Full PDB file with SEQRES, HELIX, SHEET, SSBOND, CRYST1, ORIGX, SCALE, CONECT and MASTER records, all heavy atoms in Angstrom:
SEQRES   1 A   36  ASN PHE TYR ASN ASP HIS TYR ASP LEU LEU LEU GLY GLN          
SEQRES   2 A   36  ASP PHE LEU PHE ALA ARG LYS ILE SER PRO GLU ALA LYS          
SEQRES   3 A   36  ASP LEU LYS ARG ARG LEU GLY ARG LEU TYR                      
HELIX    1 AA1 ASN A    4  HIS A    6  5                                   3    
HELIX    2 AA2 TYR A    7  LEU A   11  1                                   5    
HELIX    3 AA3 LYS A   26  LEU A   35  1                                  10    
CRYST1    1.000    1.000    1.000  90.00  90.00  90.00 P 1           1          
ORIGX1      1.000000  0.000000  0.000000        0.00000                         
ORIGX2      0.000000  1.000000  0.000000        0.00000                         
ORIGX3      0.000000  0.000000  1.000000        0.00000                         
SCALE1      1.000000  0.000000  0.000000        0.00000                         
SCALE2      0.000000  1.000000  0.000000        0.00000                         
SCALE3      0.000000  0.000000  1.000000        0.00000                         
ATOM      1  N   ASN A   1       1.731  -6.822  -8.502  1.00  0.00           N  
ATOM      2  CA  ASN A   1       0.677  -6.004  -7.846  1.00  0.00           C  
ATOM      3  C   ASN A   1       0.702  -6.222  -6.316  1.00  0.00           C  
ATOM      4  O   ASN A   1       0.957  -7.278  -5.794  1.00  0.00           O  
ATOM      5  CB  ASN A   1      -0.771  -6.415  -8.357  1.00  0.00           C  
ATOM      6  CG  ASN A   1      -0.998  -5.860  -9.693  1.00  0.00           C  
ATOM      7  OD1 ASN A   1      -1.356  -4.671  -9.855  1.00  0.00           O  
ATOM      8  ND2 ASN A   1      -0.855  -6.677 -10.754  1.00  0.00           N  
ATOM      9  N   PHE A   2       0.317  -5.159  -5.574  1.00  0.00           N  
ATOM     10  CA  PHE A   2       0.266  -5.190  -4.151  1.00  0.00           C  
ATOM     11  C   PHE A   2      -1.172  -5.103  -3.694  1.00  0.00           C  
ATOM     12  O   PHE A   2      -2.022  -4.416  -4.288  1.00  0.00           O  
ATOM     13  CB  PHE A   2       1.031  -4.012  -3.526  1.00  0.00           C  
ATOM     14  CG  PHE A   2       2.504  -4.080  -3.815  1.00  0.00           C  
ATOM     15  CD1 PHE A   2       3.119  -3.090  -4.649  1.00  0.00           C  
ATOM     16  CD2 PHE A   2       3.336  -5.069  -3.325  1.00  0.00           C  
ATOM     17  CE1 PHE A   2       4.455  -3.151  -4.948  1.00  0.00           C  
ATOM     18  CE2 PHE A   2       4.682  -5.051  -3.616  1.00  0.00           C  
ATOM     19  CZ  PHE A   2       5.233  -4.177  -4.438  1.00  0.00           C  
ATOM     20  N   TYR A   3      -1.503  -5.947  -2.664  1.00  0.00           N  
ATOM     21  CA  TYR A   3      -2.849  -6.105  -2.190  1.00  0.00           C  
ATOM     22  C   TYR A   3      -2.989  -5.704  -0.689  1.00  0.00           C  
ATOM     23  O   TYR A   3      -2.012  -5.242  -0.098  1.00  0.00           O  
ATOM     24  CB  TYR A   3      -3.298  -7.543  -2.406  1.00  0.00           C  
ATOM     25  CG  TYR A   3      -3.406  -7.866  -3.876  1.00  0.00           C  
ATOM     26  CD1 TYR A   3      -2.250  -8.473  -4.575  1.00  0.00           C  
ATOM     27  CD2 TYR A   3      -4.535  -7.589  -4.647  1.00  0.00           C  
ATOM     28  CE1 TYR A   3      -2.324  -8.757  -5.849  1.00  0.00           C  
ATOM     29  CE2 TYR A   3      -4.596  -7.953  -6.041  1.00  0.00           C  
ATOM     30  CZ  TYR A   3      -3.469  -8.466  -6.635  1.00  0.00           C  
ATOM     31  OH  TYR A   3      -3.535  -8.773  -7.992  1.00  0.00           O  
ATOM     32  N   ASN A   4      -4.147  -5.890  -0.198  1.00  0.00           N  
ATOM     33  CA  ASN A   4      -4.489  -5.427   1.149  1.00  0.00           C  
ATOM     34  C   ASN A   4      -3.537  -5.955   2.217  1.00  0.00           C  
ATOM     35  O   ASN A   4      -3.193  -5.221   3.180  1.00  0.00           O  
ATOM     36  CB  ASN A   4      -5.921  -5.851   1.578  1.00  0.00           C  
ATOM     37  CG  ASN A   4      -6.964  -4.996   0.798  1.00  0.00           C  
ATOM     38  OD1 ASN A   4      -6.689  -3.911   0.318  1.00  0.00           O  
ATOM     39  ND2 ASN A   4      -8.115  -5.600   0.557  1.00  0.00           N  
ATOM     40  N   ASP A   5      -3.092  -7.180   2.085  1.00  0.00           N  
ATOM     41  CA  ASP A   5      -2.186  -7.772   3.092  1.00  0.00           C  
ATOM     42  C   ASP A   5      -0.710  -7.348   2.984  1.00  0.00           C  
ATOM     43  O   ASP A   5       0.166  -7.874   3.707  1.00  0.00           O  
ATOM     44  CB  ASP A   5      -2.335  -9.283   3.114  1.00  0.00           C  
ATOM     45  CG  ASP A   5      -1.989  -9.926   1.768  1.00  0.00           C  
ATOM     46  OD1 ASP A   5      -1.867  -9.180   0.824  1.00  0.00           O  
ATOM     47  OD2 ASP A   5      -1.889 -11.139   1.691  1.00  0.00           O  
ATOM     48  N   HIS A   6      -0.449  -6.391   2.061  1.00  0.00           N  
ATOM     49  CA  HIS A   6       1.003  -5.944   1.886  1.00  0.00           C  
ATOM     50  C   HIS A   6       1.263  -4.625   2.665  1.00  0.00           C  
ATOM     51  O   HIS A   6       2.326  -4.034   2.494  1.00  0.00           O  
ATOM     52  CB  HIS A   6       1.256  -5.723   0.414  1.00  0.00           C  
ATOM     53  CG  HIS A   6       1.458  -6.978  -0.318  1.00  0.00           C  
ATOM     54  ND1 HIS A   6       0.663  -7.238  -1.509  1.00  0.00           N  
ATOM     55  CD2 HIS A   6       2.148  -8.134  -0.162  1.00  0.00           C  
ATOM     56  CE1 HIS A   6       1.006  -8.432  -1.960  1.00  0.00           C  
ATOM     57  NE2 HIS A   6       1.897  -8.950  -1.151  1.00  0.00           N  
ATOM     58  N   TYR A   7       0.322  -4.191   3.447  1.00  0.00           N  
ATOM     59  CA  TYR A   7       0.503  -2.859   4.082  1.00  0.00           C  
ATOM     60  C   TYR A   7       1.756  -2.775   4.945  1.00  0.00           C  
ATOM     61  O   TYR A   7       2.589  -1.883   4.777  1.00  0.00           O  
ATOM     62  CB  TYR A   7      -0.734  -2.552   4.947  1.00  0.00           C  
ATOM     63  CG  TYR A   7      -0.659  -1.257   5.709  1.00  0.00           C  
ATOM     64  CD1 TYR A   7      -0.962  -0.057   5.060  1.00  0.00           C  
ATOM     65  CD2 TYR A   7      -0.317  -1.149   7.067  1.00  0.00           C  
ATOM     66  CE1 TYR A   7      -0.926   1.153   5.729  1.00  0.00           C  
ATOM     67  CE2 TYR A   7      -0.248  -0.008   7.796  1.00  0.00           C  
ATOM     68  CZ  TYR A   7      -0.560   1.218   7.108  1.00  0.00           C  
ATOM     69  OH  TYR A   7      -0.467   2.418   7.747  1.00  0.00           O  
ATOM     70  N   ASP A   8       1.951  -3.710   5.840  1.00  0.00           N  
ATOM     71  CA  ASP A   8       3.169  -3.652   6.725  1.00  0.00           C  
ATOM     72  C   ASP A   8       4.397  -3.845   5.939  1.00  0.00           C  
ATOM     73  O   ASP A   8       5.410  -3.195   6.245  1.00  0.00           O  
ATOM     74  CB  ASP A   8       2.993  -4.754   7.817  1.00  0.00           C  
ATOM     75  CG  ASP A   8       1.893  -4.439   8.807  1.00  0.00           C  
ATOM     76  OD1 ASP A   8       1.657  -3.240   9.123  1.00  0.00           O  
ATOM     77  OD2 ASP A   8       1.230  -5.357   9.285  1.00  0.00           O  
ATOM     78  N   LEU A   9       4.402  -4.721   4.935  1.00  0.00           N  
ATOM     79  CA  LEU A   9       5.582  -4.902   4.120  1.00  0.00           C  
ATOM     80  C   LEU A   9       5.965  -3.646   3.438  1.00  0.00           C  
ATOM     81  O   LEU A   9       7.157  -3.239   3.421  1.00  0.00           O  
ATOM     82  CB  LEU A   9       5.355  -6.041   3.095  1.00  0.00           C  
ATOM     83  CG  LEU A   9       6.515  -6.374   2.158  1.00  0.00           C  
ATOM     84  CD1 LEU A   9       6.560  -7.926   1.937  1.00  0.00           C  
ATOM     85  CD2 LEU A   9       6.408  -5.690   0.830  1.00  0.00           C  
ATOM     86  N   LEU A  10       5.026  -2.959   2.847  1.00  0.00           N  
ATOM     87  CA  LEU A  10       5.317  -1.700   2.111  1.00  0.00           C  
ATOM     88  C   LEU A  10       5.885  -0.638   2.996  1.00  0.00           C  
ATOM     89  O   LEU A  10       6.822   0.100   2.628  1.00  0.00           O  
ATOM     90  CB  LEU A  10       4.035  -1.175   1.416  1.00  0.00           C  
ATOM     91  CG  LEU A  10       3.498  -2.036   0.280  1.00  0.00           C  
ATOM     92  CD1 LEU A  10       2.185  -1.508  -0.270  1.00  0.00           C  
ATOM     93  CD2 LEU A  10       4.533  -2.154  -0.820  1.00  0.00           C  
ATOM     94  N   LEU A  11       5.318  -0.470   4.207  1.00  0.00           N  
ATOM     95  CA  LEU A  11       5.777   0.569   5.100  1.00  0.00           C  
ATOM     96  C   LEU A  11       7.217   0.316   5.544  1.00  0.00           C  
ATOM     97  O   LEU A  11       8.002   1.290   5.820  1.00  0.00           O  
ATOM     98  CB  LEU A  11       4.936   0.647   6.388  1.00  0.00           C  
ATOM     99  CG  LEU A  11       3.809   1.727   6.287  1.00  0.00           C  
ATOM    100  CD1 LEU A  11       2.877   1.476   5.131  1.00  0.00           C  
ATOM    101  CD2 LEU A  11       3.026   1.766   7.613  1.00  0.00           C  
ATOM    102  N   GLY A  12       7.710  -0.923   5.492  1.00  0.00           N  
ATOM    103  CA  GLY A  12       9.064  -1.239   5.875  1.00  0.00           C  
ATOM    104  C   GLY A  12      10.119  -1.043   4.806  1.00  0.00           C  
ATOM    105  O   GLY A  12      11.325  -1.284   5.052  1.00  0.00           O  
ATOM    106  N   GLN A  13       9.698  -0.671   3.615  1.00  0.00           N  
ATOM    107  CA  GLN A  13      10.675  -0.512   2.523  1.00  0.00           C  
ATOM    108  C   GLN A  13      11.232   0.917   2.481  1.00  0.00           C  
ATOM    109  O   GLN A  13      10.581   1.888   2.829  1.00  0.00           O  
ATOM    110  CB  GLN A  13      10.034  -0.833   1.171  1.00  0.00           C  
ATOM    111  CG  GLN A  13       9.296  -2.141   1.124  1.00  0.00           C  
ATOM    112  CD  GLN A  13      10.140  -3.332   1.694  1.00  0.00           C  
ATOM    113  OE1 GLN A  13      11.245  -3.514   1.268  1.00  0.00           O  
ATOM    114  NE2 GLN A  13       9.570  -4.009   2.679  1.00  0.00           N  
ATOM    115  N   ASP A  14      12.492   1.005   2.035  1.00  0.00           N  
ATOM    116  CA  ASP A  14      13.182   2.275   2.038  1.00  0.00           C  
ATOM    117  C   ASP A  14      12.777   3.092   0.770  1.00  0.00           C  
ATOM    118  O   ASP A  14      13.658   3.412  -0.076  1.00  0.00           O  
ATOM    119  CB  ASP A  14      14.659   2.068   2.080  1.00  0.00           C  
ATOM    120  CG  ASP A  14      15.452   3.367   2.308  1.00  0.00           C  
ATOM    121  OD1 ASP A  14      14.827   4.334   2.735  1.00  0.00           O  
ATOM    122  OD2 ASP A  14      16.694   3.379   2.139  1.00  0.00           O  
ATOM    123  N   PHE A  15      11.578   3.363   0.585  1.00  0.00           N  
ATOM    124  CA  PHE A  15      11.024   4.082  -0.596  1.00  0.00           C  
ATOM    125  C   PHE A  15       9.937   5.015  -0.040  1.00  0.00           C  
ATOM    126  O   PHE A  15       9.353   4.851   1.026  1.00  0.00           O  
ATOM    127  CB  PHE A  15      10.444   3.097  -1.553  1.00  0.00           C  
ATOM    128  CG  PHE A  15      11.495   2.192  -2.180  1.00  0.00           C  
ATOM    129  CD1 PHE A  15      11.788   0.984  -1.565  1.00  0.00           C  
ATOM    130  CD2 PHE A  15      12.143   2.520  -3.354  1.00  0.00           C  
ATOM    131  CE1 PHE A  15      12.729   0.115  -2.033  1.00  0.00           C  
ATOM    132  CE2 PHE A  15      13.044   1.595  -3.924  1.00  0.00           C  
ATOM    133  CZ  PHE A  15      13.321   0.422  -3.294  1.00  0.00           C  
ATOM    134  N   LEU A  16       9.567   6.032  -0.931  1.00  0.00           N  
ATOM    135  CA  LEU A  16       8.512   6.960  -0.543  1.00  0.00           C  
ATOM    136  C   LEU A  16       7.129   6.512  -1.171  1.00  0.00           C  
ATOM    137  O   LEU A  16       6.133   6.869  -0.641  1.00  0.00           O  
ATOM    138  CB  LEU A  16       8.883   8.368  -1.085  1.00  0.00           C  
ATOM    139  CG  LEU A  16      10.206   8.919  -0.569  1.00  0.00           C  
ATOM    140  CD1 LEU A  16      10.409  10.367  -1.022  1.00  0.00           C  
ATOM    141  CD2 LEU A  16      10.263   8.880   0.972  1.00  0.00           C  
ATOM    142  N   PHE A  17       7.194   5.897  -2.311  1.00  0.00           N  
ATOM    143  CA  PHE A  17       5.925   5.466  -3.032  1.00  0.00           C  
ATOM    144  C   PHE A  17       6.114   3.963  -3.381  1.00  0.00           C  
ATOM    145  O   PHE A  17       7.186   3.367  -3.336  1.00  0.00           O  
ATOM    146  CB  PHE A  17       5.707   6.269  -4.255  1.00  0.00           C  
ATOM    147  CG  PHE A  17       5.047   7.604  -4.011  1.00  0.00           C  
ATOM    148  CD1 PHE A  17       5.869   8.636  -3.444  1.00  0.00           C  
ATOM    149  CD2 PHE A  17       3.773   7.875  -4.195  1.00  0.00           C  
ATOM    150  CE1 PHE A  17       5.319   9.887  -3.210  1.00  0.00           C  
ATOM    151  CE2 PHE A  17       3.196   9.077  -3.938  1.00  0.00           C  
ATOM    152  CZ  PHE A  17       4.032  10.154  -3.443  1.00  0.00           C  
ATOM    153  N   ALA A  18       4.955   3.367  -3.754  1.00  0.00           N  
ATOM    154  CA  ALA A  18       4.978   2.050  -4.236  1.00  0.00           C  
ATOM    155  C   ALA A  18       4.095   1.900  -5.516  1.00  0.00           C  
ATOM    156  O   ALA A  18       3.064   2.589  -5.660  1.00  0.00           O  
ATOM    157  CB  ALA A  18       4.446   1.021  -3.195  1.00  0.00           C  
ATOM    158  N   ARG A  19       4.499   1.055  -6.412  1.00  0.00           N  
ATOM    159  CA  ARG A  19       3.788   0.719  -7.636  1.00  0.00           C  
ATOM    160  C   ARG A  19       3.875  -0.749  -7.896  1.00  0.00           C  
ATOM    161  O   ARG A  19       4.954  -1.265  -7.691  1.00  0.00           O  
ATOM    162  CB  ARG A  19       4.343   1.580  -8.762  1.00  0.00           C  
ATOM    163  CG  ARG A  19       3.641   1.413 -10.071  1.00  0.00           C  
ATOM    164  CD  ARG A  19       4.280   2.250 -11.156  1.00  0.00           C  
ATOM    165  NE  ARG A  19       3.525   2.227 -12.407  1.00  0.00           N  
ATOM    166  CZ  ARG A  19       3.646   1.278 -13.364  1.00  0.00           C  
ATOM    167  NH1 ARG A  19       4.548   0.258 -13.198  1.00  0.00           N  
ATOM    168  NH2 ARG A  19       2.879   1.298 -14.399  1.00  0.00           N  
ATOM    169  N   LYS A  20       2.855  -1.465  -8.265  1.00  0.00           N  
ATOM    170  CA  LYS A  20       1.524  -1.086  -8.535  1.00  0.00           C  
ATOM    171  C   LYS A  20       0.609  -1.509  -7.412  1.00  0.00           C  
ATOM    172  O   LYS A  20       0.651  -2.638  -6.973  1.00  0.00           O  
ATOM    173  CB  LYS A  20       0.976  -1.804  -9.821  1.00  0.00           C  
ATOM    174  CG  LYS A  20       1.542  -1.341 -11.146  1.00  0.00           C  
ATOM    175  CD  LYS A  20       0.827  -2.189 -12.216  1.00  0.00           C  
ATOM    176  CE  LYS A  20       0.848  -1.524 -13.564  1.00  0.00           C  
ATOM    177  NZ  LYS A  20       0.048  -2.263 -14.594  1.00  0.00           N  
ATOM    178  N   ILE A  21      -0.290  -0.647  -6.987  1.00  0.00           N  
ATOM    179  CA  ILE A  21      -1.270  -0.946  -6.055  1.00  0.00           C  
ATOM    180  C   ILE A  21      -2.505  -1.488  -6.846  1.00  0.00           C  
ATOM    181  O   ILE A  21      -3.037  -0.806  -7.741  1.00  0.00           O  
ATOM    182  CB  ILE A  21      -1.737   0.284  -5.226  1.00  0.00           C  
ATOM    183  CG1 ILE A  21      -0.476   0.917  -4.572  1.00  0.00           C  
ATOM    184  CG2 ILE A  21      -2.749  -0.140  -4.164  1.00  0.00           C  
ATOM    185  CD1 ILE A  21       0.298   0.035  -3.589  1.00  0.00           C  
ATOM    186  N   SER A  22      -2.941  -2.675  -6.517  1.00  0.00           N  
ATOM    187  CA  SER A  22      -4.030  -3.272  -7.256  1.00  0.00           C  
ATOM    188  C   SER A  22      -5.298  -2.452  -7.124  1.00  0.00           C  
ATOM    189  O   SER A  22      -5.615  -1.970  -5.974  1.00  0.00           O  
ATOM    190  CB  SER A  22      -4.316  -4.710  -6.787  1.00  0.00           C  
ATOM    191  OG  SER A  22      -5.509  -5.223  -7.291  1.00  0.00           O  
ATOM    192  N   PRO A  23      -6.078  -2.285  -8.162  1.00  0.00           N  
ATOM    193  CA  PRO A  23      -7.398  -1.612  -8.100  1.00  0.00           C  
ATOM    194  C   PRO A  23      -8.335  -2.307  -7.092  1.00  0.00           C  
ATOM    195  O   PRO A  23      -9.216  -1.672  -6.518  1.00  0.00           O  
ATOM    196  CB  PRO A  23      -7.971  -1.722  -9.483  1.00  0.00           C  
ATOM    197  CG  PRO A  23      -6.789  -1.951 -10.372  1.00  0.00           C  
ATOM    198  CD  PRO A  23      -5.797  -2.710  -9.586  1.00  0.00           C  
ATOM    199  N   GLU A  24      -8.106  -3.643  -6.821  1.00  0.00           N  
ATOM    200  CA  GLU A  24      -8.924  -4.355  -5.823  1.00  0.00           C  
ATOM    201  C   GLU A  24      -8.549  -4.069  -4.411  1.00  0.00           C  
ATOM    202  O   GLU A  24      -9.310  -4.426  -3.509  1.00  0.00           O  
ATOM    203  CB  GLU A  24      -8.849  -5.826  -6.161  1.00  0.00           C  
ATOM    204  CG  GLU A  24      -9.290  -6.208  -7.564  1.00  0.00           C  
ATOM    205  CD  GLU A  24      -8.944  -7.643  -7.922  1.00  0.00           C  
ATOM    206  OE1 GLU A  24      -8.519  -8.395  -6.992  1.00  0.00           O  
ATOM    207  OE2 GLU A  24      -9.132  -8.041  -9.070  1.00  0.00           O  
ATOM    208  N   ALA A  25      -7.398  -3.490  -4.191  1.00  0.00           N  
ATOM    209  CA  ALA A  25      -6.894  -3.327  -2.784  1.00  0.00           C  
ATOM    210  C   ALA A  25      -7.483  -2.082  -2.152  1.00  0.00           C  
ATOM    211  O   ALA A  25      -6.764  -1.126  -1.830  1.00  0.00           O  
ATOM    212  CB  ALA A  25      -5.352  -3.276  -2.812  1.00  0.00           C  
ATOM    213  N   LYS A  26      -8.803  -2.094  -1.975  1.00  0.00           N  
ATOM    214  CA  LYS A  26      -9.467  -0.945  -1.468  1.00  0.00           C  
ATOM    215  C   LYS A  26      -8.997  -0.560  -0.010  1.00  0.00           C  
ATOM    216  O   LYS A  26      -8.783   0.566   0.324  1.00  0.00           O  
ATOM    217  CB  LYS A  26     -11.013  -1.190  -1.430  1.00  0.00           C  
ATOM    218  CG  LYS A  26     -11.591  -1.563  -2.758  1.00  0.00           C  
ATOM    219  CD  LYS A  26     -11.540  -0.427  -3.735  1.00  0.00           C  
ATOM    220  CE  LYS A  26     -12.291  -0.827  -5.043  1.00  0.00           C  
ATOM    221  NZ  LYS A  26     -12.132   0.201  -6.077  1.00  0.00           N  
ATOM    222  N   ASP A  27      -8.874  -1.576   0.808  1.00  0.00           N  
ATOM    223  CA  ASP A  27      -8.479  -1.324   2.180  1.00  0.00           C  
ATOM    224  C   ASP A  27      -7.031  -0.810   2.262  1.00  0.00           C  
ATOM    225  O   ASP A  27      -6.723   0.106   3.035  1.00  0.00           O  
ATOM    226  CB  ASP A  27      -8.563  -2.638   3.047  1.00  0.00           C  
ATOM    227  CG  ASP A  27      -8.260  -2.336   4.471  1.00  0.00           C  
ATOM    228  OD1 ASP A  27      -8.979  -1.489   5.036  1.00  0.00           O  
ATOM    229  OD2 ASP A  27      -7.405  -3.046   5.024  1.00  0.00           O  
ATOM    230  N   LEU A  28      -6.110  -1.327   1.416  1.00  0.00           N  
ATOM    231  CA  LEU A  28      -4.734  -0.861   1.344  1.00  0.00           C  
ATOM    232  C   LEU A  28      -4.721   0.643   0.870  1.00  0.00           C  
ATOM    233  O   LEU A  28      -3.976   1.414   1.500  1.00  0.00           O  
ATOM    234  CB  LEU A  28      -3.913  -1.704   0.369  1.00  0.00           C  
ATOM    235  CG  LEU A  28      -2.439  -1.314   0.133  1.00  0.00           C  
ATOM    236  CD1 LEU A  28      -1.721  -1.312   1.431  1.00  0.00           C  
ATOM    237  CD2 LEU A  28      -1.825  -2.179  -0.923  1.00  0.00           C  
ATOM    238  N   LYS A  29      -5.532   0.927  -0.087  1.00  0.00           N  
ATOM    239  CA  LYS A  29      -5.533   2.312  -0.503  1.00  0.00           C  
ATOM    240  C   LYS A  29      -6.059   3.272   0.558  1.00  0.00           C  
ATOM    241  O   LYS A  29      -5.536   4.405   0.768  1.00  0.00           O  
ATOM    242  CB  LYS A  29      -6.442   2.486  -1.785  1.00  0.00           C  
ATOM    243  CG  LYS A  29      -5.757   1.852  -3.014  1.00  0.00           C  
ATOM    244  CD  LYS A  29      -6.660   2.158  -4.217  1.00  0.00           C  
ATOM    245  CE  LYS A  29      -6.072   1.581  -5.516  1.00  0.00           C  
ATOM    246  NZ  LYS A  29      -6.897   1.833  -6.656  1.00  0.00           N  
ATOM    247  N   ARG A  30      -7.068   2.807   1.325  1.00  0.00           N  
ATOM    248  CA  ARG A  30      -7.662   3.663   2.304  1.00  0.00           C  
ATOM    249  C   ARG A  30      -6.621   3.887   3.449  1.00  0.00           C  
ATOM    250  O   ARG A  30      -6.395   5.043   3.926  1.00  0.00           O  
ATOM    251  CB  ARG A  30      -8.845   2.959   2.906  1.00  0.00           C  
ATOM    252  CG  ARG A  30      -9.542   3.686   4.068  1.00  0.00           C  
ATOM    253  CD  ARG A  30     -10.699   2.865   4.659  1.00  0.00           C  
ATOM    254  NE  ARG A  30     -10.281   1.599   5.068  1.00  0.00           N  
ATOM    255  CZ  ARG A  30      -9.680   1.344   6.214  1.00  0.00           C  
ATOM    256  NH1 ARG A  30      -9.384   2.301   7.088  1.00  0.00           N  
ATOM    257  NH2 ARG A  30      -9.317   0.078   6.582  1.00  0.00           N  
ATOM    258  N   ARG A  31      -5.885   2.827   3.884  1.00  0.00           N  
ATOM    259  CA  ARG A  31      -4.880   2.975   4.937  1.00  0.00           C  
ATOM    260  C   ARG A  31      -3.725   3.819   4.479  1.00  0.00           C  
ATOM    261  O   ARG A  31      -3.264   4.663   5.319  1.00  0.00           O  
ATOM    262  CB  ARG A  31      -4.460   1.576   5.371  1.00  0.00           C  
ATOM    263  CG  ARG A  31      -5.564   0.702   5.966  1.00  0.00           C  
ATOM    264  CD  ARG A  31      -5.052  -0.703   6.300  1.00  0.00           C  
ATOM    265  NE  ARG A  31      -4.197  -0.691   7.513  1.00  0.00           N  
ATOM    266  CZ  ARG A  31      -3.541  -1.775   7.912  1.00  0.00           C  
ATOM    267  NH1 ARG A  31      -3.697  -2.938   7.309  1.00  0.00           N  
ATOM    268  NH2 ARG A  31      -2.796  -1.673   9.005  1.00  0.00           N  
ATOM    269  N   LEU A  32      -3.212   3.599   3.296  1.00  0.00           N  
ATOM    270  CA  LEU A  32      -2.142   4.412   2.850  1.00  0.00           C  
ATOM    271  C   LEU A  32      -2.540   5.900   2.682  1.00  0.00           C  
ATOM    272  O   LEU A  32      -1.726   6.809   2.943  1.00  0.00           O  
ATOM    273  CB  LEU A  32      -1.581   3.862   1.491  1.00  0.00           C  
ATOM    274  CG  LEU A  32      -0.847   2.527   1.564  1.00  0.00           C  
ATOM    275  CD1 LEU A  32      -0.511   2.036   0.182  1.00  0.00           C  
ATOM    276  CD2 LEU A  32       0.355   2.541   2.454  1.00  0.00           C  
ATOM    277  N   GLY A  33      -3.733   6.126   2.165  1.00  0.00           N  
ATOM    278  CA  GLY A  33      -4.191   7.510   2.024  1.00  0.00           C  
ATOM    279  C   GLY A  33      -4.259   8.237   3.334  1.00  0.00           C  
ATOM    280  O   GLY A  33      -3.889   9.428   3.468  1.00  0.00           O  
ATOM    281  N   ARG A  34      -4.748   7.513   4.367  1.00  0.00           N  
ATOM    282  CA  ARG A  34      -4.846   8.146   5.694  1.00  0.00           C  
ATOM    283  C   ARG A  34      -3.415   8.355   6.318  1.00  0.00           C  
ATOM    284  O   ARG A  34      -3.214   9.310   7.019  1.00  0.00           O  
ATOM    285  CB  ARG A  34      -5.622   7.201   6.603  1.00  0.00           C  
ATOM    286  CG  ARG A  34      -6.141   7.770   7.890  1.00  0.00           C  
ATOM    287  CD  ARG A  34      -7.230   6.924   8.493  1.00  0.00           C  
ATOM    288  NE  ARG A  34      -6.741   5.557   8.738  1.00  0.00           N  
ATOM    289  CZ  ARG A  34      -7.482   4.510   8.939  1.00  0.00           C  
ATOM    290  NH1 ARG A  34      -8.806   4.683   9.004  1.00  0.00           N  
ATOM    291  NH2 ARG A  34      -7.016   3.331   9.131  1.00  0.00           N  
ATOM    292  N   LEU A  35      -2.467   7.455   5.980  1.00  0.00           N  
ATOM    293  CA  LEU A  35      -1.145   7.554   6.523  1.00  0.00           C  
ATOM    294  C   LEU A  35      -0.435   8.838   6.020  1.00  0.00           C  
ATOM    295  O   LEU A  35       0.357   9.454   6.807  1.00  0.00           O  
ATOM    296  CB  LEU A  35      -0.330   6.314   6.104  1.00  0.00           C  
ATOM    297  CG  LEU A  35       1.189   6.377   6.389  1.00  0.00           C  
ATOM    298  CD1 LEU A  35       1.409   6.251   7.911  1.00  0.00           C  
ATOM    299  CD2 LEU A  35       1.880   5.283   5.570  1.00  0.00           C  
ATOM    300  N   TYR A  36      -0.626   9.236   4.793  1.00  0.00           N  
ATOM    301  CA  TYR A  36       0.154  10.342   4.197  1.00  0.00           C  
ATOM    302  C   TYR A  36       0.077  11.598   4.987  1.00  0.00           C  
ATOM    303  O   TYR A  36       1.103  12.328   5.120  1.00  0.00           O  
ATOM    304  CB  TYR A  36      -0.347  10.547   2.775  1.00  0.00           C  
ATOM    305  CG  TYR A  36       0.596  11.500   2.001  1.00  0.00           C  
ATOM    306  CD1 TYR A  36       1.855  11.101   1.641  1.00  0.00           C  
ATOM    307  CD2 TYR A  36       0.184  12.784   1.629  1.00  0.00           C  
ATOM    308  CE1 TYR A  36       2.707  11.942   0.949  1.00  0.00           C  
ATOM    309  CE2 TYR A  36       1.007  13.614   0.933  1.00  0.00           C  
ATOM    310  CZ  TYR A  36       2.255  13.216   0.576  1.00  0.00           C  
ATOM    311  OH  TYR A  36       3.092  14.056  -0.122  1.00  0.00           O  
TER     312      TYR A  36                                                      
MASTER        0    0    0    3    0    0    0    6  311    1    0    3          
END                                                                             
């Protein structure tokens, strides 16, 4: 599972999506949603 502190790590990966985003990672979801 990926959590709030994984934002920078995820953006650096050579992929378009990531799985699994933890249901508890509210801030990560908000930031990724705004990024799209």
